[in-house]
Amino acid sequence: MDKPKKAVKNGHINENAVDPMLQGGTALTKKTTFLDKAVKWLDQNN
């Protein structure tokens, strides 16, 4: 029996639940920069 099937049979399953956005990169930087600016703008205009 190969390892993946044996792991399933024995209940040794790990799910990769990491959000790709949490892994960093330019998309995350741009998103957090936008959100920071949006929050500041909302604070000033409300």
PDB file of N, CA and C in Angstrom:
ATOM      1  N   MET A   1       0.858  -1.192   0.000  1.00  0.00           N
ATOM      2  CA  MET A   1       0.000   0.000   0.000  1.00  0.00           C
ATOM      3  C   MET A   1       0.896   1.244   0.000  1.00  0.00           C
ATOM      4  N   ASP A   2       0.568   2.192  -0.872  1.00  0.00           N
ATOM      5  CA  ASP A   2       1.400   3.399  -0.926  1.00  0.00           C
ATOM      6  C   ASP A   2       1.097   4.324   0.257  1.00  0.00           C
ATOM      7  N   LYS A   3       2.005   5.242   0.519  1.00  0.00           N
ATOM      8  CA  LYS A   3       1.916   6.101   1.705  1.00  0.00           C
ATOM      9  C   LYS A   3       0.633   6.928   1.778  1.00  0.00           C
ATOM     10  N   PRO A   4       0.188   7.596   0.676  1.00  0.00           N
ATOM     11  CA  PRO A   4      -1.039   8.385   0.790  1.00  0.00           C
ATOM     12  C   PRO A   4      -2.255   7.548   1.195  1.00  0.00           C
ATOM     13  N   LYS A   5      -2.404   6.373   0.614  1.00  0.00           N
ATOM     14  CA  LYS A   5      -3.546   5.518   0.966  1.00  0.00           C
ATOM     15  C   LYS A   5      -3.443   5.043   2.410  1.00  0.00           C
ATOM     16  N   LYS A   6      -2.238   4.719   2.832  1.00  0.00           N
ATOM     17  CA  LYS A   6      -2.025   4.269   4.203  1.00  0.00           C
ATOM     18  C   LYS A   6      -2.332   5.401   5.188  1.00  0.00           C
ATOM     19  N   ALA A   7      -1.945   6.611   4.841  1.00  0.00           N
ATOM     20  CA  ALA A   7      -2.216   7.765   5.702  1.00  0.00           C
ATOM     21  C   ALA A   7      -3.713   8.000   5.843  1.00  0.00           C
ATOM     22  N   VAL A   8      -4.448   7.874   4.738  1.00  0.00           N
ATOM     23  CA  VAL A   8      -5.903   8.053   4.785  1.00  0.00           C
ATOM     24  C   VAL A   8      -6.522   6.968   5.656  1.00  0.00           C
ATOM     25  N   LYS A   9      -6.104   5.752   5.454  1.00  0.00           N
ATOM     26  CA  LYS A   9      -6.640   4.621   6.216  1.00  0.00           C
ATOM     27  C   LYS A   9      -6.406   4.804   7.713  1.00  0.00           C
ATOM     28  N   ASN A  10      -5.253   5.332   8.083  1.00  0.00           N
ATOM     29  CA  ASN A  10      -4.912   5.514   9.494  1.00  0.00           C
ATOM     30  C   ASN A  10      -5.390   6.848  10.065  1.00  0.00           C
ATOM     31  N   GLY A  11      -6.038   7.674   9.241  1.00  0.00           N
ATOM     32  CA  GLY A  11      -6.560   8.950   9.716  1.00  0.00           C
ATOM     33  C   GLY A  11      -5.503  10.020   9.898  1.00  0.00           C
ATOM     34  N   HIS A  12      -4.365   9.872   9.250  1.00  0.00           N
ATOM     35  CA  HIS A  12      -3.291  10.866   9.356  1.00  0.00           C
ATOM     36  C   HIS A  12      -3.357  11.825   8.174  1.00  0.00           C
ATOM     37  N   ILE A  13      -4.350  12.680   8.205  1.00  0.00           N
ATOM     38  CA  ILE A  13      -4.562  13.618   7.106  1.00  0.00           C
ATOM     39  C   ILE A  13      -4.344  15.035   7.633  1.00  0.00           C
ATOM     40  N   ASN A  14      -3.530  15.796   6.943  1.00  0.00           N
ATOM     41  CA  ASN A  14      -3.309  17.201   7.270  1.00  0.00           C
ATOM     42  C   ASN A  14      -3.783  18.036   6.096  1.00  0.00           C
ATOM     43  N   GLU A  15      -4.626  19.005   6.390  1.00  0.00           N
ATOM     44  CA  GLU A  15      -5.135  19.878   5.335  1.00  0.00           C
ATOM     45  C   GLU A  15      -4.352  21.176   5.349  1.00  0.00           C
ATOM     46  N   ASN A  16      -3.909  21.602   4.169  1.00  0.00           N
ATOM     47  CA  ASN A  16      -3.195  22.859   4.059  1.00  0.00           C
ATOM     48  C   ASN A  16      -4.227  23.978   3.981  1.00  0.00           C
ATOM     49  N   ALA A  17      -4.422  24.667   5.092  1.00  0.00           N
ATOM     50  CA  ALA A  17      -5.454  25.691   5.160  1.00  0.00           C
ATOM     51  C   ALA A  17      -4.859  27.099   5.178  1.00  0.00           C
ATOM     52  N   VAL A  18      -3.672  27.268   4.639  1.00  0.00           N
ATOM     53  CA  VAL A  18      -3.023  28.578   4.628  1.00  0.00           C
ATOM     54  C   VAL A  18      -3.590  29.409   3.483  1.00  0.00           C
ATOM     55  N   ASP A  19      -4.069  30.580   3.814  1.00  0.00           N
ATOM     56  CA  ASP A  19      -4.583  31.499   2.801  1.00  0.00           C
ATOM     57  C   ASP A  19      -3.407  32.014   1.973  1.00  0.00           C
ATOM     58  N   PRO A  20      -3.483  31.912   0.643  1.00  0.00           N
ATOM     59  CA  PRO A  20      -2.375  32.397  -0.191  1.00  0.00           C
ATOM     60  C   PRO A  20      -2.019  33.862   0.067  1.00  0.00           C
ATOM     61  N   MET A  21      -3.003  34.672   0.448  1.00  0.00           N
ATOM     62  CA  MET A  21      -2.726  36.081   0.716  1.00  0.00           C
ATOM     63  C   MET A  21      -1.862  36.259   1.966  1.00  0.00           C
ATOM     64  N   LEU A  22      -1.888  35.284   2.864  1.00  0.00           N
ATOM     65  CA  LEU A  22      -1.091  35.397   4.084  1.00  0.00           C
ATOM     66  C   LEU A  22       0.359  34.987   3.871  1.00  0.00           C
ATOM     67  N   GLN A  23       0.673  34.493   2.692  1.00  0.00           N
ATOM     68  CA  GLN A  23       2.030  34.054   2.414  1.00  0.00           C
ATOM     69  C   GLN A  23       2.923  35.208   1.956  1.00  0.00           C
ATOM     70  N   GLY A  24       2.366  36.390   1.901  1.00  0.00           N
ATOM     71  CA  GLY A  24       3.169  37.559   1.570  1.00  0.00           C
ATOM     72  C   GLY A  24       3.177  37.875   0.090  1.00  0.00           C
ATOM     73  N   GLY A  25       4.103  38.707  -0.295  1.00  0.00           N
ATOM     74  CA  GLY A  25       4.209  39.089  -1.692  1.00  0.00           C
ATOM     75  C   GLY A  25       3.616  40.457  -1.936  1.00  0.00           C
ATOM     76  N   THR A  26       3.693  40.887  -3.183  1.00  0.00           N
ATOM     77  CA  THR A  26       3.255  42.245  -3.513  1.00  0.00           C
ATOM     78  C   THR A  26       1.752  42.408  -3.384  1.00  0.00           C
ATOM     79  N   ALA A  27       0.984  41.367  -3.641  1.00  0.00           N
ATOM     80  CA  ALA A  27      -0.473  41.488  -3.532  1.00  0.00           C
ATOM     81  C   ALA A  27      -0.866  41.832  -2.102  1.00  0.00           C
ATOM     82  N   LEU A  28      -0.247  41.181  -1.139  1.00  0.00           N
ATOM     83  CA  LEU A  28      -0.559  41.456   0.262  1.00  0.00           C
ATOM     84  C   LEU A  28      -0.123  42.863   0.643  1.00  0.00           C
ATOM     85  N   THR A  29       1.035  43.289   0.211  1.00  0.00           N
ATOM     86  CA  THR A  29       1.536  44.625   0.522  1.00  0.00           C
ATOM     87  C   THR A  29       0.606  45.691  -0.030  1.00  0.00           C
ATOM     88  N   LYS A  30       0.191  45.535  -1.283  1.00  0.00           N
ATOM     89  CA  LYS A  30      -0.707  46.512  -1.896  1.00  0.00           C
ATOM     90  C   LYS A  30      -2.062  46.524  -1.211  1.00  0.00           C
ATOM     91  N   LYS A  31      -2.547  45.349  -0.831  1.00  0.00           N
ATOM     92  CA  LYS A  31      -3.852  45.264  -0.182  1.00  0.00           C
ATOM     93  C   LYS A  31      -3.818  45.940   1.184  1.00  0.00           C
ATOM     94  N   THR A  32      -2.777  45.681   1.978  1.00  0.00           N
ATOM     95  CA  THR A  32      -2.718  46.283   3.305  1.00  0.00           C
ATOM     96  C   THR A  32      -2.465  47.782   3.215  1.00  0.00           C
ATOM     97  N   THR A  33      -1.679  48.224   2.250  1.00  0.00           N
ATOM     98  CA  THR A  33      -1.454  49.658   2.060  1.00  0.00           C
ATOM     99  C   THR A  33      -2.763  50.349   1.712  1.00  0.00           C
ATOM    100  N   PHE A  34      -3.533  49.763   0.805  1.00  0.00           N
ATOM    101  CA  PHE A  34      -4.827  50.318   0.429  1.00  0.00           C
ATOM    102  C   PHE A  34      -5.751  50.387   1.642  1.00  0.00           C
ATOM    103  N   LEU A  35      -5.809  49.315   2.414  1.00  0.00           N
ATOM    104  CA  LEU A  35      -6.696  49.290   3.580  1.00  0.00           C
ATOM    105  C   LEU A  35      -6.277  50.320   4.619  1.00  0.00           C
ATOM    106  N   ASP A  36      -4.981  50.489   4.837  1.00  0.00           N
ATOM    107  CA  ASP A  36      -4.498  51.509   5.778  1.00  0.00           C
ATOM    108  C   ASP A  36      -4.934  52.903   5.341  1.00  0.00           C
ATOM    109  N   LYS A  37      -4.768  53.199   4.056  1.00  0.00           N
ATOM    110  CA  LYS A  37      -5.160  54.512   3.538  1.00  0.00           C
ATOM    111  C   LYS A  37      -6.667  54.699   3.597  1.00  0.00           C
ATOM    112  N   ALA A  38      -7.419  53.644   3.325  1.00  0.00           N
ATOM    113  CA  ALA A  38      -8.880  53.734   3.370  1.00  0.00           C
ATOM    114  C   ALA A  38      -9.359  54.016   4.789  1.00  0.00           C
ATOM    115  N   VAL A  39      -8.774  53.358   5.769  1.00  0.00           N
ATOM    116  CA  VAL A  39      -9.158  53.577   7.164  1.00  0.00           C
ATOM    117  C   VAL A  39      -8.837  55.008   7.584  1.00  0.00           C
ATOM    118  N   LYS A  40      -7.665  55.513   7.215  1.00  0.00           N
ATOM    119  CA  LYS A  40      -7.303  56.896   7.551  1.00  0.00           C
ATOM    120  C   LYS A  40      -8.269  57.882   6.906  1.00  0.00           C
ATOM    121  N   TRP A  41      -8.631  57.643   5.640  1.00  0.00           N
ATOM    122  CA  TRP A  41      -9.551  58.535   4.938  1.00  0.00           C
ATOM    123  C   TRP A  41     -10.918  58.517   5.608  1.00  0.00           C
ATOM    124  N   LEU A  42     -11.385  57.327   5.975  1.00  0.00           N
ATOM    125  CA  LEU A  42     -12.685  57.217   6.636  1.00  0.00           C
ATOM    126  C   LEU A  42     -12.674  57.905   7.992  1.00  0.00           C
ATOM    127  N   ASP A  43     -11.577  57.788   8.728  1.00  0.00           N
ATOM    128  CA  ASP A  43     -11.467  58.460  10.023  1.00  0.00           C
ATOM    129  C   ASP A  43     -11.547  59.977   9.864  1.00  0.00           C
ATOM    130  N   GLN A  44     -10.932  60.507   8.817  1.00  0.00           N
ATOM    131  CA  GLN A  44     -10.906  61.949   8.601  1.00  0.00           C
ATOM    132  C   GLN A  44     -12.230  62.477   8.057  1.00  0.00           C
ATOM    133  N   ASN A  45     -12.978  61.654   7.347  1.00  0.00           N
ATOM    134  CA  ASN A  45     -14.182  62.125   6.668  1.00  0.00           C
ATOM    135  C   ASN A  45     -15.484  61.651   7.304  1.00  0.00           C
ATOM    136  N   ASN A  46     -15.426  61.195   8.513  1.00  0.00           N
ATOM    137  CA  ASN A  46     -16.656  60.786   9.219  1.00  0.00           C
ATOM    138  C   ASN A  46     -16.733  61.428  10.565  1.00  0.00           C
TER     139      ASN A  46
END
